[in-house]
Amino acid sequence: QLADILGVSRPTLMKHFKAHGVLHKFTNLSRTELDALVNHFREKKPNSGLRYLIGFLRKHGLRVQKCR
């Protein structure tokens, strides 16, 4: 969508992202490590949802796919 808004092709946009060090890489976490972090979050914030969980992970420098 961003490429369409800017009026450039997706490969061109990705080339510029790469040239400027803007890449969306995910953190390598095992299933066990991710489960431990999620459980820790749920213990501290039992009524918080997915968006708060994602914020918690990002605050700690972690980027994880939503489908995990």
N, C-alpha and C. Protein backbone atom coordinates (compact mmCIF):
# COMPACT_ATOMS: atom_id res chain seq x y z
N GLN A 1 0.82 -1.19 0.00
CA GLN A 1 0.00 0.00 0.00
C GLN A 1 0.86 1.25 0.00
N LEU A 2 1.95 1.22 0.75
CA LEU A 2 2.82 2.39 0.82
C LEU A 2 3.41 2.71 -0.55
N ALA A 3 3.81 1.68 -1.29
CA ALA A 3 4.36 1.89 -2.63
C ALA A 3 3.33 2.56 -3.53
N ASP A 4 2.08 2.11 -3.45
CA ASP A 4 1.01 2.71 -4.25
C ASP A 4 0.79 4.17 -3.88
N ILE A 5 0.79 4.47 -2.60
CA ILE A 5 0.59 5.84 -2.13
C ILE A 5 1.70 6.74 -2.65
N LEU A 6 2.94 6.23 -2.63
CA LEU A 6 4.09 7.02 -3.07
C LEU A 6 4.25 7.04 -4.59
N GLY A 7 3.52 6.18 -5.28
CA GLY A 7 3.59 6.13 -6.73
C GLY A 7 4.85 5.46 -7.26
N VAL A 8 5.37 4.49 -6.51
CA VAL A 8 6.54 3.73 -6.95
C VAL A 8 6.21 2.25 -6.88
N SER A 9 7.07 1.44 -7.52
CA SER A 9 6.84 0.00 -7.46
C SER A 9 7.32 -0.54 -6.11
N ARG A 10 6.81 -1.69 -5.75
CA ARG A 10 7.21 -2.31 -4.48
C ARG A 10 8.71 -2.62 -4.45
N PRO A 11 9.27 -3.19 -5.55
CA PRO A 11 10.72 -3.44 -5.52
C PRO A 11 11.55 -2.17 -5.33
N THR A 12 11.12 -1.06 -5.93
CA THR A 12 11.84 0.20 -5.76
C THR A 12 11.78 0.65 -4.31
N LEU A 13 10.62 0.54 -3.70
CA LEU A 13 10.46 0.92 -2.30
C LEU A 13 11.34 0.05 -1.40
N MET A 14 11.35 -1.25 -1.65
CA MET A 14 12.16 -2.15 -0.84
C MET A 14 13.65 -1.86 -1.02
N LYS A 15 14.06 -1.50 -2.25
CA LYS A 15 15.46 -1.16 -2.51
C LYS A 15 15.87 0.05 -1.68
N HIS A 16 15.00 1.05 -1.62
CA HIS A 16 15.30 2.25 -0.83
C HIS A 16 15.29 1.94 0.68
N PHE A 17 14.37 1.11 1.12
CA PHE A 17 14.37 0.69 2.52
C PHE A 17 15.70 0.04 2.87
N LYS A 18 16.13 -0.89 2.02
CA LYS A 18 17.37 -1.61 2.27
C LYS A 18 18.57 -0.67 2.26
N ALA A 19 18.59 0.28 1.33
CA ALA A 19 19.70 1.24 1.23
C ALA A 19 19.83 2.10 2.47
N HIS A 20 18.71 2.35 3.15
CA HIS A 20 18.72 3.21 4.33
C HIS A 20 18.62 2.42 5.64
N GLY A 21 18.75 1.10 5.54
CA GLY A 21 18.75 0.28 6.74
C GLY A 21 17.40 0.11 7.40
N VAL A 22 16.34 0.29 6.64
CA VAL A 22 14.98 0.15 7.19
C VAL A 22 14.43 -1.20 6.74
N LEU A 23 14.65 -2.19 7.56
CA LEU A 23 14.15 -3.52 7.26
C LEU A 23 13.35 -4.03 8.44
N HIS A 24 12.33 -4.78 8.14
CA HIS A 24 11.48 -5.32 9.20
C HIS A 24 11.87 -6.77 9.43
N LYS A 25 12.86 -6.96 10.25
CA LYS A 25 13.29 -8.31 10.58
C LYS A 25 12.67 -8.71 11.91
N PHE A 26 12.42 -9.99 12.05
CA PHE A 26 11.82 -10.49 13.26
C PHE A 26 12.89 -11.09 14.17
N THR A 27 12.64 -11.06 15.45
CA THR A 27 13.55 -11.60 16.44
C THR A 27 13.48 -13.12 16.43
N ASN A 28 14.64 -13.76 16.50
CA ASN A 28 14.68 -15.22 16.59
C ASN A 28 14.41 -15.64 18.03
N LEU A 29 13.22 -16.16 18.25
CA LEU A 29 12.83 -16.66 19.57
C LEU A 29 12.28 -18.06 19.39
N SER A 30 12.62 -18.94 20.30
CA SER A 30 12.02 -20.27 20.25
C SER A 30 10.58 -20.17 20.76
N ARG A 31 9.83 -21.19 20.49
CA ARG A 31 8.44 -21.23 20.96
C ARG A 31 8.40 -21.16 22.49
N THR A 32 9.33 -21.84 23.12
CA THR A 32 9.40 -21.87 24.59
C THR A 32 9.70 -20.49 25.15
N GLU A 33 10.65 -19.79 24.54
CA GLU A 33 11.01 -18.44 25.00
C GLU A 33 9.83 -17.48 24.84
N LEU A 34 9.16 -17.57 23.68
CA LEU A 34 8.01 -16.70 23.44
C LEU A 34 6.89 -17.01 24.43
N ASP A 35 6.63 -18.29 24.67
CA ASP A 35 5.60 -18.67 25.64
C ASP A 35 5.92 -18.12 27.03
N ALA A 36 7.19 -18.17 27.42
CA ALA A 36 7.59 -17.67 28.74
C ALA A 36 7.34 -16.16 28.84
N LEU A 37 7.67 -15.43 27.78
CA LEU A 37 7.44 -13.98 27.78
C LEU A 37 5.95 -13.65 27.83
N VAL A 38 5.17 -14.38 27.05
CA VAL A 38 3.72 -14.14 27.03
C VAL A 38 3.12 -14.46 28.40
N ASN A 39 3.54 -15.55 29.00
CA ASN A 39 3.04 -15.91 30.34
C ASN A 39 3.42 -14.86 31.38
N HIS A 40 4.65 -14.36 31.29
CA HIS A 40 5.10 -13.30 32.21
C HIS A 40 4.22 -12.06 32.04
N PHE A 41 3.95 -11.69 30.79
CA PHE A 41 3.10 -10.52 30.52
C PHE A 41 1.70 -10.74 31.09
N ARG A 42 1.14 -11.93 30.85
CA ARG A 42 -0.23 -12.21 31.32
C ARG A 42 -0.34 -12.21 32.83
N GLU A 43 0.73 -12.61 33.52
CA GLU A 43 0.72 -12.57 34.98
C GLU A 43 0.66 -11.13 35.48
N LYS A 44 1.39 -10.24 34.81
CA LYS A 44 1.43 -8.84 35.23
C LYS A 44 0.21 -8.06 34.77
N LYS A 45 -0.31 -8.37 33.59
CA LYS A 45 -1.43 -7.64 33.00
C LYS A 45 -2.49 -8.62 32.50
N PRO A 46 -3.21 -9.28 33.39
CA PRO A 46 -4.15 -10.33 32.96
C PRO A 46 -5.31 -9.84 32.10
N ASN A 47 -5.64 -8.56 32.18
CA ASN A 47 -6.79 -8.06 31.43
C ASN A 47 -6.40 -7.34 30.14
N SER A 48 -5.11 -7.35 29.80
CA SER A 48 -4.65 -6.67 28.60
C SER A 48 -4.74 -7.59 27.39
N GLY A 49 -4.89 -6.98 26.22
CA GLY A 49 -5.06 -7.74 24.99
C GLY A 49 -3.81 -7.82 24.14
N LEU A 50 -4.02 -8.22 22.89
CA LEU A 50 -2.94 -8.46 21.95
C LEU A 50 -2.11 -7.21 21.68
N ARG A 51 -2.75 -6.07 21.50
CA ARG A 51 -2.00 -4.85 21.20
C ARG A 51 -1.06 -4.47 22.35
N TYR A 52 -1.50 -4.65 23.56
CA TYR A 52 -0.63 -4.37 24.70
C TYR A 52 0.52 -5.38 24.77
N LEU A 53 0.23 -6.63 24.43
CA LEU A 53 1.28 -7.65 24.40
C LEU A 53 2.33 -7.30 23.36
N ILE A 54 1.91 -6.90 22.17
CA ILE A 54 2.85 -6.51 21.12
C ILE A 54 3.68 -5.32 21.58
N GLY A 55 3.05 -4.35 22.23
CA GLY A 55 3.78 -3.20 22.77
C GLY A 55 4.80 -3.62 23.82
N PHE A 56 4.43 -4.55 24.67
CA PHE A 56 5.34 -5.08 25.69
C PHE A 56 6.57 -5.71 25.03
N LEU A 57 6.33 -6.52 24.01
CA LEU A 57 7.44 -7.17 23.32
C LEU A 57 8.34 -6.16 22.62
N ARG A 58 7.73 -5.19 21.95
CA ARG A 58 8.52 -4.16 21.25
C ARG A 58 9.30 -3.29 22.22
N LYS A 59 8.72 -3.01 23.38
CA LYS A 59 9.42 -2.23 24.40
C LYS A 59 10.71 -2.91 24.80
N HIS A 60 10.70 -4.23 24.75
CA HIS A 60 11.88 -5.00 25.10
C HIS A 60 12.73 -5.35 23.87
N GLY A 61 12.47 -4.65 22.76
CA GLY A 61 13.29 -4.82 21.56
C GLY A 61 13.01 -6.07 20.76
N LEU A 62 11.82 -6.64 20.92
CA LEU A 62 11.47 -7.88 20.24
C LEU A 62 10.41 -7.63 19.17
N ARG A 63 10.63 -8.19 17.99
CA ARG A 63 9.64 -8.13 16.92
C ARG A 63 9.25 -9.56 16.58
N VAL A 64 7.97 -9.87 16.75
CA VAL A 64 7.48 -11.23 16.55
C VAL A 64 6.29 -11.18 15.61
N GLN A 65 6.19 -12.17 14.72
CA GLN A 65 5.05 -12.26 13.83
C GLN A 65 3.78 -12.48 14.65
N LYS A 66 2.68 -11.88 14.22
CA LYS A 66 1.42 -12.03 14.95
C LYS A 66 0.90 -13.46 14.91
N CYS A 67 1.20 -14.18 13.84
CA CYS A 67 0.66 -15.53 13.70
C CYS A 67 1.36 -16.56 14.58
N ARG A 68 2.41 -16.16 15.28
CA ARG A 68 3.10 -17.10 16.17
C ARG A 68 2.32 -17.21 17.43
